[in-house]
C-alpha cells in the first residue's frame, strides 16, 4: 500500500465543479441507450365479378399480417373470393431507430483529483509551510495546500458551553447572586445574558458555516468550513480533533504583523459583540467565585502569523 494514500473527510463539491469547468472543461453527466424497432406488413386483395355489359360488382378484403409470423399461408384468406379475376398486393415497412445518449458519472473526489493534478501540472497552486506564513510569503487569492493539525479552539464551542452552564444552574437562581450588587439602573442579569448568547451562537453558525482553527506549527490557519460538506454526515467535525490533516484551498486573508483574524467577523457586528463579551466578564467572574467552573477567557482574535482560507478539500 502506498504511504501517501489519503482519506477524504471534506469536499466543497460546488467549488470543485466550478473550478473544473474553468480550468479543464465542463462535464457530461448523463448516460442512456434507447432502441426502437417497428415492423408492419399489410395484405390487400380485390375481386371483380362481372354480370352483363353495364353492371359491375366489386368486392375487396384486407388482412394485417402479424409481425411474429415468419411464414404465412394467404390461401385461407383468399378462399372467399370465388372469382378467378382478382388482384392483390402486399405492403410492408420496417422502422429501426437507435437513440444513444452518453452519461458519465464520476465520484466527487475523482473530479477533485483530476482538478488538483491539472492545477499542479500548470503551476496553479503550491504547497506552503509555516516558514511561508512567518515570512509573509503568501498572497491573497493563491491556491495552496498545507499540512496542519485540527485544533479544539473554537469561539462557537465556548459560547455554547456558557449557554449550557447558565441553563443547567437556572438563570432565576443565578440572578439572586447579583441582586445585592446591582444598582437600580442596571437591567442586565443572567437571563438577559443567556438570550444574547443564544443570538450570538446562531450568528456564528448561520447557514451551517463555522470557523475552524488549525495549527501549522506555531502558526494558525482559520478555515471557513461548511458542515454540509463533510463526507460523513453522522460525524462531528471535532471527532478528529488534534490530528494531522492536509488542506487544499484558497487564501482569502493574510494579516501582516500586528494584524489579526477576528472570529466574530461572520456576525457582521464584530465591534458590538466584542463589547458585549467584554461586558459579561464580571458576571462570569461572579459564577467562578461561587465555585461554578467556567471556560477560560474567550479567544476572539487569531494573531499573526496566521492565514484565513476557504477550504476546497480536506483529507487525512
Protein backbone atom coordinates (compact mmCIF):
# COMPACT_ATOMS: atom_id res chain seq x y z
CA UNK A 1 0.00 0.00 0.00
CA UNK A 2 1.22 3.50 -0.79
CA UNK A 3 2.25 5.58 2.20
CA UNK A 4 0.80 8.76 0.68
CA UNK A 5 -2.70 7.33 0.29
CA UNK A 6 -5.14 9.79 1.89
CA UNK A 7 -8.70 9.54 3.22
CA UNK A 8 -11.09 12.36 2.23
CA UNK A 9 -13.12 13.96 5.02
CA UNK A 10 -14.30 17.23 3.43
CA UNK A 11 -15.11 18.44 -0.09
CA UNK A 12 -16.82 21.56 -1.38
CA UNK A 13 -18.38 19.95 -4.46
CA UNK A 14 -19.80 23.22 -5.80
CA UNK A 15 -16.40 24.92 -5.89
CA UNK A 16 -14.76 21.80 -7.35
CA UNK A 17 -17.23 21.63 -10.26
CA UNK A 18 -16.94 25.36 -10.93
CA UNK A 19 -13.14 25.26 -10.94
CA UNK A 20 -13.16 22.09 -13.04
CA UNK A 21 -15.27 23.79 -15.72
CA UNK A 22 -12.98 26.86 -15.67
CA UNK A 23 -9.57 25.20 -15.67
CA UNK A 24 -10.38 21.98 -17.57
CA UNK A 25 -13.78 21.55 -19.19
CA UNK A 26 -17.42 21.08 -18.40
CA UNK A 27 -18.52 17.50 -17.92
CA UNK A 28 -21.30 15.37 -19.41
CA UNK A 29 -23.37 13.85 -16.67
CA UNK A 30 -25.93 11.65 -18.42
CA UNK A 31 -25.97 8.13 -20.00
CA UNK A 32 -28.85 6.21 -21.56
CA UNK A 33 -29.38 3.97 -24.60
CA UNK A 34 -32.79 3.62 -26.32
CA UNK A 35 -33.57 1.16 -29.16
CA UNK A 36 -36.88 1.25 -31.05
CA UNK A 37 -37.96 -1.21 -33.81
CA UNK A 38 -41.26 -1.33 -35.68
CA UNK A 39 -42.33 -3.83 -38.42
CA UNK A 40 -45.59 -3.57 -40.37
CA UNK A 41 -46.91 -5.85 -43.20
CA UNK A 42 -50.28 -5.46 -44.91
CA UNK A 43 -52.06 -7.75 -47.47
CA UNK A 44 -54.79 -6.35 -49.72
CA UNK A 45 -56.90 -8.44 -52.19
CA UNK A 46 -59.59 -7.25 -54.65
CA UNK A 47 -62.09 -9.45 -56.56
CA UNK A 48 -64.11 -8.38 -59.64
CA UNK A 49 -67.36 -10.20 -60.62
CA UNK A 50 -68.91 -9.10 -63.86
CA UNK A 51 -72.57 -9.77 -64.88
CA UNK A 52 -73.81 -8.24 -68.07
CA UNK A 53 -72.45 -5.41 -70.10
CA UNK A 54 -73.45 -2.48 -67.96
CA UNK A 55 -73.14 -3.93 -64.42
CA UNK A 56 -70.00 -4.43 -62.43
CA UNK A 57 -69.68 -5.57 -58.81
CA UNK A 58 -66.53 -5.10 -56.81
CA UNK A 59 -65.69 -6.82 -53.56
CA UNK A 60 -62.49 -6.41 -51.61
CA UNK A 61 -60.86 -7.54 -48.39
CA UNK A 62 -57.72 -6.89 -46.42
CA UNK A 63 -55.72 -8.57 -43.65
CA UNK A 64 -52.92 -7.35 -41.44
CA UNK A 65 -50.13 -9.89 -41.09
CA UNK A 66 -48.79 -10.36 -37.53
CA UNK A 67 -45.17 -9.27 -37.06
CA UNK A 68 -44.14 -12.50 -35.38
CA UNK A 69 -45.17 -14.78 -38.32
CA UNK A 70 -42.16 -15.71 -40.41
CA UNK A 71 -44.28 -17.71 -42.91
CA UNK A 72 -47.98 -17.24 -43.54
CA UNK A 73 -50.50 -19.10 -45.78
CA UNK A 74 -52.57 -16.49 -47.61
CA UNK A 75 -54.83 -19.09 -49.26
CA UNK A 76 -57.17 -19.29 -46.26
CA UNK A 77 -57.94 -15.59 -46.59
CA UNK A 78 -58.21 -15.70 -50.36
CA UNK A 79 -60.81 -18.54 -50.44
CA UNK A 80 -63.77 -16.20 -50.00
CA UNK A 81 -63.05 -14.73 -53.41
CA UNK A 82 -64.68 -17.23 -55.83
CA UNK A 83 -63.82 -15.44 -59.00
CA UNK A 84 -60.61 -16.04 -60.85
CA UNK A 85 -60.44 -12.35 -61.62
CA UNK A 86 -58.80 -10.75 -58.61
CA UNK A 87 -55.70 -8.74 -57.84
CA UNK A 88 -53.66 -8.29 -54.67
CA UNK A 89 -50.65 -6.54 -53.20
CA UNK A 90 -48.52 -6.78 -50.06
CA UNK A 91 -47.24 -3.69 -48.33
CA UNK A 92 -44.54 -3.81 -45.68
CA UNK A 93 -42.39 -1.34 -43.78
CA UNK A 94 -39.59 -1.64 -41.26
CA UNK A 95 -38.52 1.09 -38.89
CA UNK A 96 -35.39 0.89 -36.78
CA UNK A 97 -34.38 3.79 -34.52
CA UNK A 98 -31.33 3.97 -32.30
CA UNK A 99 -31.05 6.80 -29.78
CA UNK A 100 -27.84 6.95 -27.77
CA UNK A 101 -27.07 9.46 -25.02
CA UNK A 102 -23.76 9.22 -23.23
CA UNK A 103 -23.74 9.52 -19.47
CA UNK A 104 -20.55 9.76 -17.45
CA UNK A 105 -20.78 9.56 -13.68
CA UNK A 106 -17.70 10.48 -11.64
CA UNK A 107 -17.27 10.45 -7.89
CA UNK A 108 -16.64 13.73 -6.12
CA UNK A 109 -13.04 13.02 -5.24
CA UNK A 110 -12.34 11.62 -8.70
CA UNK A 111 -13.27 15.01 -10.13
CA UNK A 112 -11.23 16.74 -7.42
CA UNK A 113 -8.13 14.63 -8.12
CA UNK A 114 -8.39 15.44 -11.81
CA UNK A 115 -8.69 19.14 -10.97
CA UNK A 116 -5.81 19.08 -8.50
CA UNK A 117 -3.50 17.20 -10.88
CA UNK A 118 -4.26 19.67 -13.67
CA UNK A 119 -3.65 22.67 -11.41
CA UNK A 120 -0.40 21.12 -10.16
CA UNK A 121 0.81 20.47 -13.71
CA UNK A 122 0.01 24.04 -14.75
CA UNK A 123 1.56 25.53 -11.57
CA UNK A 124 -1.75 26.97 -10.37
CA UNK A 125 -1.18 26.12 -6.70
CA UNK A 126 1.71 25.43 -4.38
CA UNK A 127 2.44 23.74 -1.10
CA UNK A 128 3.17 26.08 1.79
CA UNK A 129 4.70 25.69 5.25
CA UNK A 130 4.90 27.70 8.45
CA UNK A 131 8.00 29.48 7.10
CA UNK A 132 5.94 30.93 4.24
CA UNK A 133 3.41 32.28 6.74
CA UNK A 134 6.04 33.70 9.10
CA UNK A 135 7.89 35.37 6.22
CA UNK A 136 4.57 36.62 4.79
CA UNK A 137 5.44 34.92 1.51
CA UNK A 138 1.80 34.25 0.66
CA UNK A 139 -0.62 36.38 -1.34
CA UNK A 140 -4.38 36.64 -1.01
CA UNK A 141 -6.08 34.72 -3.80
CA UNK A 142 -3.45 31.98 -4.03
CA UNK A 143 -4.47 28.33 -4.18
CA UNK A 144 -2.42 26.46 -1.59
CA UNK A 145 -2.02 23.08 0.04
CA UNK A 146 -0.62 22.61 3.53
CA UNK A 147 -0.33 20.17 6.41
CA UNK A 148 -1.94 21.20 9.68
CA UNK A 149 -3.34 19.92 12.94
CA UNK A 150 -7.01 20.38 13.83
CA UNK A 151 -7.28 22.49 16.97
CA UNK A 152 -10.01 22.30 19.63
CA UNK A 153 -10.01 26.10 19.83
CA UNK A 154 -13.50 27.32 18.92
CA UNK A 155 -15.31 30.51 19.89
CA UNK A 156 -18.64 28.89 19.00
CA UNK A 157 -17.99 25.95 21.34
CA UNK A 158 -17.04 28.31 24.18
CA UNK A 159 -20.22 30.36 23.72
CA UNK A 160 -22.36 27.20 23.63
CA UNK A 161 -20.60 25.95 26.74
CA UNK A 162 -21.54 29.10 28.68
CA UNK A 163 -25.13 28.75 27.44
CA UNK A 164 -25.27 25.18 28.75
CA UNK A 165 -23.90 26.23 32.14
CA UNK A 166 -26.44 29.03 32.56
CA UNK A 167 -29.29 26.70 31.64
CA UNK A 168 -28.07 23.97 33.99
CA UNK A 169 -27.95 26.28 37.03
CA UNK A 170 -31.18 28.11 36.16
CA UNK A 171 -30.86 31.83 35.49
CA UNK A 172 -33.53 32.75 38.04
CA UNK A 173 -31.33 31.28 40.76
CA UNK A 174 -28.16 32.82 39.36
CA UNK A 175 -29.79 36.24 39.25
CA UNK A 176 -30.02 36.14 43.04
CA UNK A 177 -26.21 36.21 43.19
CA UNK A 178 -26.09 39.70 41.73
CA UNK A 179 -29.25 41.27 43.14
CA UNK A 180 -27.41 42.85 46.05
CA UNK A 181 -24.57 44.10 43.86
CA UNK A 182 -26.69 45.58 41.08
CA UNK A 183 -27.93 49.15 41.09
CA UNK A 184 -31.43 50.09 40.03
CA UNK A 185 -30.35 51.40 36.61
CA UNK A 186 -28.71 48.12 35.51
CA UNK A 187 -31.06 45.91 33.50
CA UNK A 188 -28.51 43.20 32.76
CA UNK A 189 -28.78 39.85 34.50
CA UNK A 190 -28.06 36.22 33.64
CA UNK A 191 -31.44 35.77 31.97
CA UNK A 192 -30.68 38.61 29.56
CA UNK A 193 -27.12 37.39 29.02
CA UNK A 194 -28.43 33.91 28.15
CA UNK A 195 -30.72 35.30 25.44
CA UNK A 196 -27.92 37.39 23.95
CA UNK A 197 -25.51 34.45 23.95
CA UNK A 198 -28.05 32.32 22.09
CA UNK A 199 -28.34 35.00 19.43
CA UNK A 200 -24.56 35.19 19.12
CA UNK A 201 -24.36 31.40 18.79
CA UNK A 202 -26.92 31.40 15.98
CA UNK A 203 -24.90 34.03 14.07
CA UNK A 204 -21.63 32.13 14.50
CA UNK A 205 -23.09 29.02 12.82
CA UNK A 206 -25.54 30.63 10.42
CA UNK A 207 -26.15 28.57 7.27
CA UNK A 208 -24.10 25.73 8.82
CA UNK A 209 -20.80 27.54 8.27
CA UNK A 210 -18.26 27.90 11.09
CA UNK A 211 -14.66 28.93 11.64
CA UNK A 212 -12.29 26.02 12.27
CA UNK A 213 -8.89 26.89 13.72
CA UNK A 214 -5.93 24.70 12.75
CA UNK A 215 -2.27 24.76 13.73
CA UNK A 216 0.65 24.93 11.32
CA UNK A 217 3.49 24.69 13.79
CA UNK A 218 3.38 27.93 15.76
CA UNK A 219 1.18 29.49 13.07
CA UNK A 220 -2.60 29.32 12.73
CA UNK A 221 -4.92 28.77 9.78
CA UNK A 222 -8.58 29.75 10.11
CA UNK A 223 -10.79 27.67 7.80
CA UNK A 224 -14.27 28.81 6.79
CA UNK A 225 -15.92 25.38 6.61
CA UNK A 226 -19.46 24.34 5.74
CA UNK A 227 -20.71 21.48 7.92
CA UNK A 228 -22.71 20.05 4.98
CA UNK A 229 -19.52 19.33 3.03
CA UNK A 230 -18.02 16.83 5.46
CA UNK A 231 -18.03 13.33 3.97
CA UNK A 232 -19.57 11.60 7.00
CA UNK A 233 -22.89 13.27 7.69
CA UNK A 234 -23.22 11.43 11.01
CA UNK A 235 -19.83 12.53 12.37
CA UNK A 236 -18.88 15.62 14.37
CA UNK A 237 -16.29 17.99 12.94
CA UNK A 238 -14.16 17.69 16.09
CA UNK A 239 -14.10 13.89 16.10
CA UNK A 240 -10.65 14.14 14.51
CA UNK A 241 -9.50 16.97 16.77
CA UNK A 242 -5.75 17.28 17.46
CA UNK A 243 -4.93 15.07 14.47
CA UNK A 244 -2.91 15.92 11.39
CA UNK A 245 -4.65 16.58 8.08
CA UNK A 246 -3.98 18.19 4.72
CA UNK A 247 -5.96 21.15 3.39
CA UNK A 248 -6.37 22.38 -0.19
CA UNK A 249 -7.97 25.80 -0.57
CA UNK A 250 -7.81 29.47 -1.48
CA UNK A 251 -6.24 32.12 0.74
CA UNK A 252 -8.63 34.99 1.49
CA UNK A 253 -6.67 36.83 4.18
CA UNK A 254 -3.00 37.16 5.04
CA UNK A 255 -2.69 39.50 8.03
CA UNK A 256 0.50 41.49 8.37
CA UNK A 257 2.48 41.85 11.57
CA UNK A 258 0.29 43.43 14.25
CA UNK A 259 -2.94 42.45 12.48
CA UNK A 260 -5.29 39.62 13.39
CA UNK A 261 -8.18 37.47 12.17
CA UNK A 262 -11.38 38.20 14.10
CA UNK A 263 -13.58 35.15 14.79
CA UNK A 264 -16.57 37.47 15.24
CA UNK A 265 -16.42 38.86 11.68
CA UNK A 266 -19.11 36.45 10.50
CA UNK A 267 -21.72 38.19 12.67
CA UNK A 268 -21.30 41.41 10.70
CA UNK A 269 -21.21 43.20 14.08
CA UNK A 270 -17.80 42.26 15.41
CA UNK A 271 -17.30 45.53 17.33
CA UNK A 272 -20.66 45.22 19.07
CA UNK A 273 -20.19 41.60 20.11
CA UNK A 274 -16.63 42.28 21.22
CA UNK A 275 -18.00 44.90 23.63
CA UNK A 276 -20.78 42.53 24.70
CA UNK A 277 -18.37 39.72 25.57
CA UNK A 278 -16.19 42.18 27.47
CA UNK A 279 -19.23 43.44 29.40
CA UNK A 280 -20.26 39.99 30.66
CA UNK A 281 -16.81 39.18 32.05
CA UNK A 282 -17.73 40.47 35.57
CA UNK A 283 -20.85 38.27 35.57
CA UNK A 284 -18.82 35.21 34.63
CA UNK A 285 -16.35 36.09 37.37
CA UNK A 286 -19.19 36.03 39.93
CA UNK A 287 -20.00 32.47 38.85
CA UNK A 288 -16.37 31.44 39.32
CA UNK A 289 -16.41 32.97 42.80
CA UNK A 290 -19.34 30.69 43.62
CA UNK A 291 -17.40 27.59 42.56
CA UNK A 292 -19.06 27.26 39.16
CA UNK A 293 -16.49 26.08 36.62
CA UNK A 294 -16.41 28.34 33.58
CA UNK A 295 -14.42 28.28 30.32
CA UNK A 296 -11.17 30.17 30.16
CA UNK A 297 -11.04 33.58 28.54
CA UNK A 298 -12.79 33.53 25.18
CA UNK A 299 -10.43 33.73 22.20
CA UNK A 300 -11.84 36.30 19.79
CA UNK A 301 -8.78 37.15 17.68
CA UNK A 302 -6.22 34.91 15.97
CA UNK A 303 -3.00 36.87 15.95
CA UNK A 304 -0.29 36.90 13.30
CA UNK A 305 1.38 34.75 11.98
CA UNK A 306 -1.83 33.31 10.55
CA UNK A 307 -3.82 32.91 7.34
CA UNK A 308 -7.52 32.58 6.55
CA UNK A 309 -8.53 30.03 3.93
CA UNK A 310 -11.67 28.82 2.17
CA UNK A 311 -11.07 25.05 2.08
CA UNK A 312 -11.94 23.18 -1.10
CA UNK A 313 -10.92 19.78 0.27
CA UNK A 314 -9.52 18.25 3.44
CA UNK A 315 -8.05 14.77 3.81
CA UNK A 316 -6.24 12.73 6.43
